[in-house]
């Protein structure tokens, strides 16, 4: 497998200028979730040039297939995923390839993921003779809104795979290194909206009304006890409320209030329990003061937990490519979410964090979703090499 890896890696290194130019082209033309029409066209254009068969999926996504030419008595299948959507952020990086779309920006590295997977497709398609089985390549729309992964998974499009693999950039990790950690890496993500319907009255006669603003404020304060007193301190959980709107005038008891927030948890059990307690708290608080309460939920992403066996496999590939000193095997999990979790729940797999930071360029240390976010583009070859070489290693490994 060493020679296979070396050939694929040399191909990827030889294509550095191409993948960098492709990433910059994508960066200049960011598109929001479920609107990735030009991005889809660019992906299809690249795949057509390689002669790789593909189809559209999940509206603006692309699913491609590369079959290896090496013989196998028990061929396997692996699915690779890159997310393709951008964010509603105005870019302030000042890069030569800065976004040309006002109010839209690739501030989460999805342009790099997309380009790296296209480069992996190039390397794998040019060297089909080196591996057996099938590689499915999934360019997924709508990650930022928790849309694309479930649509693709629920369609059955990846059911033939026995491994899944994805990557995400990590500005806090040096370019040239990567993170491959077993178990929970990212939290579940739930969005909620709570609407309180009270009764208006003049502020001088509060007893004649039902103060929706006061009730909402009680909920905002009380929900923190669900974290500090209802979950253990070693069980990472977060309830964040980012929006509260209420009332219509300074001297009127508010007849309505609305708040929006999110729950993040690192286990399915804690997630379910926290959601149930939040509902109970909100409804009981509203009822105590005579108000009505309506709660809406959106399940954005499950807990992303790397399969232990898949993680060990990917580590072996990474050790061989980059050396053990450049592979981080343990770090704190993140309460950010990613819907690649849905792929892993259907097909055992692993999500690698690819270092994209470089102290020589402060922009590359900016956090994701920041307006000056940028990357050390050497991370593109690391990501592409992991996509391609882990696929070949997995597909060529003998069955136990």
Protein backbone atom coordinates (compact mmCIF):
# COMPACT_ATOMS: atom_id res chain seq x y z
CA UNK A 1 0.00 0.00 0.00
CA UNK A 2 3.00 2.28 0.47
CA UNK A 3 3.62 2.56 -3.28
CA UNK A 4 -0.08 3.25 -3.97
CA UNK A 5 -0.04 6.01 -1.38
CA UNK A 6 3.14 7.51 -2.79
CA UNK A 7 1.80 7.61 -6.35
CA UNK A 8 -1.43 9.30 -5.28
CA UNK A 9 0.39 11.79 -3.06
CA UNK A 10 2.87 12.69 -5.80
CA UNK A 11 -0.03 13.34 -8.16
CA UNK A 12 -1.67 15.64 -5.63
CA UNK A 13 1.56 17.53 -4.99
CA UNK A 14 2.06 17.96 -8.73
CA UNK A 15 -1.44 19.47 -8.97
CA UNK A 16 -0.93 22.10 -6.25
CA UNK A 17 -1.34 25.07 -8.56
CA UNK A 18 -4.52 23.65 -10.04
CA UNK A 19 -6.22 22.94 -6.71
CA UNK A 20 -5.17 26.34 -5.32
CA UNK A 21 -6.59 28.16 -8.33
CA UNK A 22 -9.79 26.13 -8.05
CA UNK A 23 -10.17 26.98 -4.37
CA UNK A 24 -9.71 30.69 -5.12
CA UNK A 25 -12.26 30.56 -7.92
CA UNK A 26 -14.78 29.01 -5.54
CA UNK A 27 -13.86 31.51 -2.83
CA UNK A 28 -14.66 34.43 -5.11
CA UNK A 29 -18.12 33.08 -5.89
CA UNK A 30 -19.68 31.97 -2.59
CA UNK A 31 -23.30 30.81 -2.53
CA UNK A 32 -25.61 30.35 0.42
CA UNK A 33 -27.20 27.08 1.48
CA UNK A 34 -29.49 25.51 -1.14
CA UNK A 35 -28.46 28.21 -3.66
CA UNK A 36 -25.14 26.65 -4.74
CA UNK A 37 -25.97 26.58 -8.46
CA UNK A 38 -22.68 27.98 -9.79
CA UNK A 39 -20.71 25.85 -7.34
CA UNK A 40 -22.56 22.79 -8.59
CA UNK A 41 -21.76 23.76 -12.18
CA UNK A 42 -18.04 24.15 -11.40
CA UNK A 43 -17.94 20.73 -9.72
CA UNK A 44 -19.69 19.12 -12.68
CA UNK A 45 -17.34 20.88 -15.12
CA UNK A 46 -14.29 19.49 -13.29
CA UNK A 47 -15.73 15.98 -13.14
CA UNK A 48 -16.67 16.04 -16.84
CA UNK A 49 -13.07 16.93 -17.70
CA UNK A 50 -11.97 13.84 -15.78
CA UNK A 51 -14.61 11.58 -17.30
CA UNK A 52 -16.04 10.82 -13.87
CA UNK A 53 -19.76 9.93 -13.89
CA UNK A 54 -21.93 12.03 -11.61
CA UNK A 55 -25.48 13.03 -10.83
CA UNK A 56 -27.21 15.83 -8.99
CA UNK A 57 -28.43 15.16 -5.47
CA UNK A 58 -30.19 17.13 -2.73
CA UNK A 59 -31.01 19.90 -5.20
CA UNK A 60 -27.68 21.65 -5.58
CA UNK A 61 -25.36 18.81 -4.57
CA UNK A 62 -23.32 16.40 -6.70
CA UNK A 63 -22.70 12.68 -6.21
CA UNK A 64 -19.92 11.07 -8.25
CA UNK A 65 -18.57 7.53 -8.58
CA UNK A 66 -15.08 6.24 -9.30
CA UNK A 67 -14.60 2.50 -9.67
CA UNK A 68 -11.17 1.03 -9.12
CA UNK A 69 -9.66 -1.26 -11.75
CA UNK A 70 -7.68 -3.54 -9.42
CA UNK A 71 -9.19 -7.01 -8.98
CA UNK A 72 -10.82 -7.95 -5.68
CA UNK A 73 -12.79 -10.93 -4.43
CA UNK A 74 -14.69 -8.74 -1.95
CA UNK A 75 -14.78 -5.16 -3.24
CA UNK A 76 -15.60 -2.42 -0.77
CA UNK A 77 -17.10 1.05 -1.03
CA UNK A 78 -16.22 4.29 0.77
CA UNK A 79 -18.09 7.59 0.65
CA UNK A 80 -16.22 10.90 0.84
CA UNK A 81 -17.97 14.15 1.69
CA UNK A 82 -17.27 17.85 1.14
CA UNK A 83 -19.74 20.60 2.07
CA UNK A 84 -20.16 23.42 -0.45
CA UNK A 85 -22.24 26.28 0.99
CA UNK A 86 -21.05 29.70 2.16
CA UNK A 87 -22.22 32.11 4.86
CA UNK A 88 -24.11 35.46 4.91
CA UNK A 89 -20.99 37.40 5.94
CA UNK A 90 -19.29 40.37 4.27
CA UNK A 91 -15.65 39.45 3.72
CA UNK A 92 -12.99 41.77 5.18
CA UNK A 93 -9.89 39.64 4.58
CA UNK A 94 -8.44 41.89 1.86
CA UNK A 95 -7.20 38.85 -0.09
CA UNK A 96 -6.67 39.19 -3.84
CA UNK A 97 -9.30 36.49 -4.28
CA UNK A 98 -11.80 38.06 -1.87
CA UNK A 99 -15.50 37.33 -2.37
CA UNK A 100 -17.10 39.10 -5.31
CA UNK A 101 -20.58 38.56 -3.87
CA UNK A 102 -21.57 41.28 -1.37
CA UNK A 103 -22.72 39.87 1.95
CA UNK A 104 -21.56 36.34 1.14
CA UNK A 105 -18.34 34.63 2.09
CA UNK A 106 -16.66 31.27 2.42
CA UNK A 107 -15.79 31.84 6.07
CA UNK A 108 -15.85 28.19 7.08
CA UNK A 109 -13.49 26.62 4.55
CA UNK A 110 -16.10 24.87 2.43
CA UNK A 111 -14.42 26.19 -0.71
CA UNK A 112 -11.25 24.37 0.38
CA UNK A 113 -13.17 21.17 1.17
CA UNK A 114 -14.78 21.28 -2.27
CA UNK A 115 -11.50 21.88 -4.10
CA UNK A 116 -9.64 19.21 -2.11
CA UNK A 117 -12.27 16.58 -2.89
CA UNK A 118 -12.12 17.50 -6.58
CA UNK A 119 -8.35 17.03 -6.47
CA UNK A 120 -8.83 13.65 -4.79
CA UNK A 121 -11.24 12.75 -7.58
CA UNK A 122 -8.57 13.71 -10.10
CA UNK A 123 -5.88 11.59 -8.44
CA UNK A 124 -8.15 8.59 -7.99
CA UNK A 125 -9.56 8.73 -11.52
CA UNK A 126 -6.07 8.95 -13.06
CA UNK A 127 -4.86 5.97 -11.02
CA UNK A 128 -7.83 3.60 -10.94
CA UNK A 129 -5.54 0.63 -11.50
CA UNK A 130 -4.12 1.13 -8.01
CA UNK A 131 -7.26 0.31 -6.05
CA UNK A 132 -10.30 -1.93 -6.08
CA UNK A 133 -13.89 -1.27 -5.12
CA UNK A 134 -15.76 2.01 -5.40
CA UNK A 135 -15.35 5.57 -4.17
CA UNK A 136 -18.49 7.68 -3.82
CA UNK A 137 -17.79 11.41 -3.75
CA UNK A 138 -20.47 13.61 -2.23
CA UNK A 139 -20.46 17.39 -2.58
CA UNK A 140 -23.15 18.26 -0.08
CA UNK A 141 -25.22 21.46 -0.03
CA UNK A 142 -26.70 23.18 2.97
CA UNK A 143 -24.39 22.12 5.79
CA UNK A 144 -24.73 25.48 7.52
CA UNK A 145 -28.49 25.02 7.88
CA UNK A 146 -28.51 21.31 8.65
CA UNK A 147 -30.09 20.37 5.33
CA UNK A 148 -27.97 18.38 2.90
CA UNK A 149 -26.62 15.46 4.91
CA UNK A 150 -30.00 14.09 5.94
CA UNK A 151 -31.41 14.44 2.44
CA UNK A 152 -28.48 12.50 0.96
CA UNK A 153 -28.43 9.86 3.70
CA UNK A 154 -32.21 9.38 3.67
CA UNK A 155 -32.17 8.94 -0.12
CA UNK A 156 -30.17 5.72 0.28
CA UNK A 157 -27.46 7.07 -2.02
CA UNK A 158 -24.62 6.06 0.31
CA UNK A 159 -26.02 2.79 1.64
CA UNK A 160 -23.58 0.66 -0.38
CA UNK A 161 -20.64 2.23 1.46
CA UNK A 162 -19.03 0.60 4.49
CA UNK A 163 -16.88 3.63 5.39
CA UNK A 164 -17.43 7.37 5.38
CA UNK A 165 -14.79 10.11 5.53
CA UNK A 166 -14.91 13.89 5.67
CA UNK A 167 -12.67 16.82 6.54
CA UNK A 168 -12.95 20.28 8.06
CA UNK A 169 -10.34 23.00 8.31
CA UNK A 170 -9.00 23.99 11.73
CA UNK A 171 -7.30 27.42 11.96
CA UNK A 172 -6.02 26.73 15.47
CA UNK A 173 -3.98 23.76 14.14
CA UNK A 174 -0.80 24.42 12.16
CA UNK A 175 -0.96 23.79 8.43
CA UNK A 176 0.71 20.46 7.71
CA UNK A 177 -0.88 18.78 10.74
CA UNK A 178 -4.29 17.24 11.30
CA UNK A 179 -6.54 15.91 14.05
CA UNK A 180 -7.94 12.36 14.11
CA UNK A 181 -9.69 11.71 17.41
CA UNK A 182 -11.86 8.76 18.33
CA UNK A 183 -15.32 9.28 19.80
CA UNK A 184 -17.31 12.51 20.17
CA UNK A 185 -15.77 15.43 18.29
CA UNK A 186 -18.73 17.78 17.76
CA UNK A 187 -21.95 18.49 19.61
CA UNK A 188 -25.49 17.97 18.49
CA UNK A 189 -27.23 21.16 17.37
CA UNK A 190 -30.88 22.02 18.01
CA UNK A 191 -32.56 25.35 17.24
CA UNK A 192 -35.60 26.46 19.20
CA UNK A 193 -38.05 29.34 19.19
CA UNK A 194 -40.27 30.07 22.18
CA UNK A 195 -43.29 32.35 21.73
CA UNK A 196 -45.06 33.74 24.80
CA UNK A 197 -48.55 35.15 24.40
CA UNK A 198 -49.61 37.35 27.30
CA UNK A 199 -52.07 40.22 27.70
CA UNK A 200 -51.34 43.89 27.17
CA UNK A 201 -52.20 46.63 29.64
CA UNK A 202 -50.91 50.03 30.64
CA UNK A 203 -47.70 49.82 32.61
CA UNK A 204 -49.42 51.62 35.50
CA UNK A 205 -51.84 48.69 35.90
CA UNK A 206 -49.71 45.56 35.48
CA UNK A 207 -52.25 43.42 37.34
CA UNK A 208 -54.64 43.83 34.41
CA UNK A 209 -52.18 42.33 31.96
CA UNK A 210 -49.94 39.29 31.58
CA UNK A 211 -46.37 40.46 31.02
CA UNK A 212 -44.86 38.35 28.24
CA UNK A 213 -41.53 40.19 28.49
CA UNK A 214 -41.18 39.42 32.19
CA UNK A 215 -42.05 35.77 31.57
CA UNK A 216 -39.53 35.49 28.73
CA UNK A 217 -36.87 37.05 30.95
CA UNK A 218 -37.56 34.48 33.65
CA UNK A 219 -37.10 31.73 31.06
CA UNK A 220 -33.82 33.20 29.82
CA UNK A 221 -32.38 33.20 33.34
CA UNK A 222 -33.85 29.88 34.46
CA UNK A 223 -32.69 27.79 31.50
CA UNK A 224 -29.08 28.11 32.67
CA UNK A 225 -29.98 25.97 35.68
CA UNK A 226 -30.71 23.12 33.28
CA UNK A 227 -26.98 23.13 32.50
CA UNK A 228 -25.57 23.93 35.92
CA UNK A 229 -27.93 21.82 38.02
CA UNK A 230 -29.45 19.17 35.76
CA UNK A 231 -26.38 17.93 33.90
CA UNK A 232 -23.06 16.87 35.33
CA UNK A 233 -20.05 19.20 35.11
CA UNK A 234 -18.21 16.53 33.10
CA UNK A 235 -21.06 16.29 30.56
CA UNK A 236 -20.58 19.18 28.09
CA UNK A 237 -23.91 20.92 27.47
CA UNK A 238 -24.81 24.41 26.36
CA UNK A 239 -28.04 26.40 26.10
CA UNK A 240 -27.56 29.69 24.31
CA UNK A 241 -30.29 32.28 23.68
CA UNK A 242 -29.26 34.81 21.08
CA UNK A 243 -32.47 36.71 20.39
CA UNK A 244 -35.26 38.13 22.55
CA UNK A 245 -37.93 40.46 21.19
CA UNK A 246 -40.96 41.70 23.11
CA UNK A 247 -43.50 44.48 23.48
CA UNK A 248 -44.47 47.46 21.40
CA UNK A 249 -44.05 50.55 23.61
CA UNK A 250 -42.12 51.65 26.69
CA UNK A 251 -45.26 52.17 28.79
CA UNK A 252 -47.26 49.08 27.82
CA UNK A 253 -47.10 45.66 29.43
CA UNK A 254 -45.85 43.41 26.64
CA UNK A 255 -48.52 41.12 25.22
CA UNK A 256 -46.02 39.01 23.34
CA UNK A 257 -42.41 37.88 23.46
CA UNK A 258 -40.28 35.67 21.29
CA UNK A 259 -36.85 34.19 21.92
CA UNK A 260 -34.57 31.99 19.86
CA UNK A 261 -31.68 29.84 20.94
CA UNK A 262 -29.76 26.62 20.60
CA UNK A 263 -28.94 23.52 22.61
CA UNK A 264 -25.58 21.79 22.18
CA UNK A 265 -24.83 18.42 23.77
CA UNK A 266 -22.21 15.69 23.43
CA UNK A 267 -24.50 12.70 23.89
CA UNK A 268 -27.89 11.70 22.51
CA UNK A 269 -29.19 11.05 26.04
CA UNK A 270 -28.20 14.48 27.38
CA UNK A 271 -29.58 16.10 24.25
CA UNK A 272 -33.01 14.48 24.65
CA UNK A 273 -33.17 15.18 28.37
CA UNK A 274 -32.20 18.84 28.02
CA UNK A 275 -34.76 19.42 25.29
CA UNK A 276 -37.52 17.86 27.39
CA UNK A 277 -36.61 19.90 30.48
CA UNK A 278 -36.48 23.13 28.48
CA UNK A 279 -39.97 22.52 27.12
CA UNK A 280 -41.27 21.79 30.63
CA UNK A 281 -39.60 24.86 32.11
CA UNK A 282 -40.92 27.22 29.42
CA UNK A 283 -44.48 25.92 29.53
CA UNK A 284 -44.64 25.88 33.34
CA UNK A 285 -43.16 29.38 33.66
CA UNK A 286 -45.68 30.75 31.17
CA UNK A 287 -48.57 28.95 32.86
CA UNK A 288 -47.55 30.25 36.30
CA UNK A 289 -48.21 33.83 35.15
CA UNK A 290 -51.23 33.03 32.96
CA UNK A 291 -49.59 33.13 29.54
CA UNK A 292 -49.64 30.71 26.63
CA UNK A 293 -46.43 29.19 25.32
CA UNK A 294 -45.55 27.78 21.90
CA UNK A 295 -42.25 26.03 21.20
CA UNK A 296 -40.76 25.16 17.81
CA UNK A 297 -37.73 22.91 17.24
CA UNK A 298 -35.34 22.20 14.39
CA UNK A 299 -32.94 19.26 14.59
CA UNK A 300 -29.87 20.60 12.76
CA UNK A 301 -27.22 17.98 13.51
CA UNK A 302 -26.63 14.90 15.63
CA UNK A 303 -23.59 14.35 17.84
CA UNK A 304 -20.60 13.71 15.58
CA UNK A 305 -18.73 10.74 17.02
CA UNK A 306 -15.82 9.20 15.11
CA UNK A 307 -15.91 5.43 14.78
CA UNK A 308 -12.87 4.04 16.68
CA UNK A 309 -11.85 1.51 14.02
CA UNK A 310 -12.20 4.01 11.18
CA UNK A 311 -10.20 6.57 13.15
CA UNK A 312 -7.36 4.10 13.69
CA UNK A 313 -7.37 3.27 9.98
CA UNK A 314 -7.19 6.94 9.00
CA UNK A 315 -4.40 7.53 11.50
CA UNK A 316 -2.29 4.83 9.86
CA UNK A 317 -2.72 6.62 6.54
CA UNK A 318 -1.87 9.99 8.09
CA UNK A 319 1.17 8.61 9.94
CA UNK A 320 2.52 7.21 6.68
CA UNK A 321 1.92 10.44 4.75
CA UNK A 322 2.91 13.11 7.24
CA UNK A 323 4.59 11.44 10.21
CA UNK A 324 3.25 10.84 13.71
CA UNK A 325 4.44 14.26 14.91
CA UNK A 326 1.90 15.90 12.62
CA UNK A 327 -1.13 13.87 13.73
CA UNK A 328 -3.03 15.04 16.82
CA UNK A 329 -4.88 12.13 18.40
CA UNK A 330 -6.63 13.90 21.28
CA UNK A 331 -8.02 17.37 21.91
CA UNK A 332 -11.08 18.96 23.51
CA UNK A 333 -14.33 18.23 21.63
CA UNK A 334 -16.14 21.22 20.16
CA UNK A 335 -19.66 22.40 20.93
CA UNK A 336 -19.96 23.49 17.31
CA UNK A 337 -21.85 21.06 15.14
CA UNK A 338 -21.56 19.48 11.70
CA UNK A 339 -24.11 17.38 9.88
CA UNK A 340 -21.47 14.96 8.64
CA UNK A 341 -22.65 13.30 11.85
CA UNK A 342 -25.56 11.92 9.82
CA UNK A 343 -23.19 10.16 7.42
CA UNK A 344 -21.34 8.49 10.30
CA UNK A 345 -24.61 7.38 11.91
CA UNK A 346 -25.52 5.59 8.66
CA UNK A 347 -22.00 4.49 7.58
CA UNK A 348 -19.22 4.11 10.20
CA UNK A 349 -16.60 6.74 9.53
CA UNK A 350 -14.27 9.46 10.64
CA UNK A 351 -14.07 13.24 10.39
CA UNK A 352 -10.57 14.71 10.18
CA UNK A 353 -9.68 18.25 11.18
CA UNK A 354 -7.06 19.65 8.80
CA UNK A 355 -4.74 22.34 10.15
CA UNK A 356 -5.02 25.58 8.13
CA UNK A 357 -3.27 28.08 10.40
CA UNK A 358 0.09 29.80 10.01
CA UNK A 359 1.44 32.39 12.45
CA UNK A 360 3.07 34.25 9.55
CA UNK A 361 -0.39 35.25 8.30
CA UNK A 362 -2.76 36.32 11.13
CA UNK A 363 -5.80 35.89 8.88
CA UNK A 364 -5.22 32.14 8.88
CA UNK A 365 -5.63 32.11 12.68
CA UNK A 366 -9.03 33.84 12.53
CA UNK A 367 -11.82 31.61 13.73
CA UNK A 368 -14.36 30.12 11.38
CA UNK A 369 -17.32 32.39 10.57
CA UNK A 370 -15.13 35.50 10.98
CA UNK A 371 -15.13 38.14 8.25
CA UNK A 372 -11.32 38.01 7.85
CA UNK A 373 -11.06 34.22 7.76
CA UNK A 374 -8.49 32.80 5.36
CA UNK A 375 -6.27 29.72 5.13
CA UNK A 376 -2.72 28.60 4.53
CA UNK A 377 -3.39 26.95 1.19
CA UNK A 378 -0.85 24.19 1.79
CA UNK A 379 -3.68 22.55 3.74
CA UNK A 380 -5.36 21.75 0.42
CA UNK A 381 -2.83 19.03 -0.41
CA UNK A 382 -3.13 17.56 3.08
CA UNK A 383 -6.91 17.34 2.76
CA UNK A 384 -6.79 15.96 -0.79
CA UNK A 385 -4.16 13.40 0.18
CA UNK A 386 -6.25 12.16 3.10
CA UNK A 387 -9.34 11.87 0.91
CA UNK A 388 -7.52 9.90 -1.78
CA UNK A 389 -5.00 7.87 0.20
CA UNK A 390 -7.31 6.82 3.01
CA UNK A 391 -9.80 5.68 0.36
CA UNK A 392 -7.17 3.56 -1.41
CA UNK A 393 -5.85 2.16 1.88
CA UNK A 394 -9.34 1.16 3.01
CA UNK A 395 -10.44 -0.30 -0.32
CA UNK A 396 -7.25 -2.32 -0.75
CA UNK A 397 -7.19 -3.75 2.76
CA UNK A 398 -8.01 -7.46 2.89
CA UNK A 399 -11.20 -8.52 4.61
CA UNK A 400 -10.72 -9.90 8.12
